[in-house]
Amino acid sequence: MNQDEKTVHLRLKDNPDITVEEVYNLMEDLRKKYPDREIFYDGDLQAICSRPKRQRPK
């Protein structure tokens, strides 16, 4: 994966007071806003990120 494809939406270390529920809601909102992107937690960056969804072979 090209590193430029990954977008960081929220760094948890920059938002230490965020709750688990808020993280969950943010991820749900991002999934709705960007249906063509995979939303995920990057443990190395401690951030909520997204990247383009891969096309699955038919």
C-alpha atoms as a PDB file:
ATOM      1  CA  MET A   1       0.000   0.000   0.000  1.00  0.00           C
ATOM      2  CA  ASN A   2       1.229   3.424  -0.900  1.00  0.00           C
ATOM      3  CA  GLN A   3       1.596   5.486   2.299  1.00  0.00           C
ATOM      4  CA  ASP A   4      -0.103   8.436   0.558  1.00  0.00           C
ATOM      5  CA  GLU A   5      -3.303   6.390   0.321  1.00  0.00           C
ATOM      6  CA  LYS A   6      -3.756   6.380   4.112  1.00  0.00           C
ATOM      7  CA  THR A   7      -5.550   9.351   5.667  1.00  0.00           C
ATOM      8  CA  VAL A   8      -5.348  10.074   9.402  1.00  0.00           C
ATOM      9  CA  HIS A   9      -8.667  11.386  10.704  1.00  0.00           C
ATOM     10  CA  LEU A  10      -7.971  11.483  14.447  1.00  0.00           C
ATOM     11  CA  ARG A  11      -4.838  10.944  16.543  1.00  0.00           C
ATOM     12  CA  LEU A  12      -5.855   9.615  19.937  1.00  0.00           C
ATOM     13  CA  LYS A  13      -2.760  11.032  21.654  1.00  0.00           C
ATOM     14  CA  ASP A  14      -3.924  14.509  20.571  1.00  0.00           C
ATOM     15  CA  ASN A  15      -7.372  13.817  22.069  1.00  0.00           C
ATOM     16  CA  PRO A  16      -6.710  12.058  25.398  1.00  0.00           C
ATOM     17  CA  ASP A  17     -10.205  12.750  26.778  1.00  0.00           C
ATOM     18  CA  ILE A  18     -12.113  11.057  23.943  1.00  0.00           C
ATOM     19  CA  THR A  19     -14.332   8.184  25.035  1.00  0.00           C
ATOM     20  CA  VAL A  20     -14.685   4.767  23.434  1.00  0.00           C
ATOM     21  CA  GLU A  21     -18.238   5.682  22.443  1.00  0.00           C
ATOM     22  CA  GLU A  22     -17.003   8.843  20.709  1.00  0.00           C
ATOM     23  CA  VAL A  23     -14.369   6.847  18.813  1.00  0.00           C
ATOM     24  CA  TYR A  24     -17.015   4.315  17.765  1.00  0.00           C
ATOM     25  CA  ASN A  25     -19.391   7.086  16.626  1.00  0.00           C
ATOM     26  CA  LEU A  26     -16.615   8.818  14.705  1.00  0.00           C
ATOM     27  CA  MET A  27     -15.758   5.585  12.901  1.00  0.00           C
ATOM     28  CA  GLU A  28     -19.434   5.010  12.030  1.00  0.00           C
ATOM     29  CA  ASP A  29     -19.753   8.579  10.732  1.00  0.00           C
ATOM     30  CA  LEU A  30     -16.595   8.169   8.630  1.00  0.00           C
ATOM     31  CA  ARG A  31     -17.936   4.901   7.155  1.00  0.00           C
ATOM     32  CA  LYS A  32     -21.097   6.742   6.068  1.00  0.00           C
ATOM     33  CA  LYS A  33     -19.210   9.777   4.767  1.00  0.00           C
ATOM     34  CA  TYR A  34     -16.605   7.723   2.877  1.00  0.00           C
ATOM     35  CA  PRO A  35     -18.277   4.476   1.714  1.00  0.00           C
ATOM     36  CA  ASP A  36     -15.425   3.862  -0.742  1.00  0.00           C
ATOM     37  CA  ARG A  37     -12.815   3.847   2.062  1.00  0.00           C
ATOM     38  CA  GLU A  38     -11.894   1.300   4.718  1.00  0.00           C
ATOM     39  CA  ILE A  39     -11.955   2.892   8.190  1.00  0.00           C
ATOM     40  CA  PHE A  40      -9.570   1.339  10.725  1.00  0.00           C
ATOM     41  CA  TYR A  41      -7.553   1.866  13.891  1.00  0.00           C
ATOM     42  CA  ASP A  42      -3.800   2.089  13.275  1.00  0.00           C
ATOM     43  CA  GLY A  43      -2.131   0.867  16.456  1.00  0.00           C
ATOM     44  CA  ASP A  44       1.317   2.140  15.483  1.00  0.00           C
ATOM     45  CA  LEU A  45       0.022   5.675  14.988  1.00  0.00           C
ATOM     46  CA  GLN A  46      -2.679   5.336  17.653  1.00  0.00           C
ATOM     47  CA  ALA A  47      -5.050   6.949  15.193  1.00  0.00           C
ATOM     48  CA  ILE A  48      -8.296   6.437  13.312  1.00  0.00           C
ATOM     49  CA  CYS A  49      -7.377   6.204   9.632  1.00  0.00           C
ATOM     50  CA  SER A  50      -8.831   5.309   6.269  1.00  0.00           C
ATOM     51  CA  ARG A  51      -7.610   3.998   2.933  1.00  0.00           C
ATOM     52  CA  PRO A  52      -9.298   3.194  -0.373  1.00  0.00           C
ATOM     53  CA  LYS A  53     -11.124  -0.126  -0.370  1.00  0.00           C
ATOM     54  CA  ARG A  54      -9.512  -2.775  -2.519  1.00  0.00           C
ATOM     55  CA  GLN A  55     -11.492  -4.246  -5.364  1.00  0.00           C
ATOM     56  CA  ARG A  56     -12.192  -7.912  -4.699  1.00  0.00           C
ATOM     57  CA  PRO A  57     -11.865 -10.314  -7.610  1.00  0.00           C
ATOM     58  CA  LYS A  58     -15.198 -11.656  -8.865  1.00  0.00           C
END
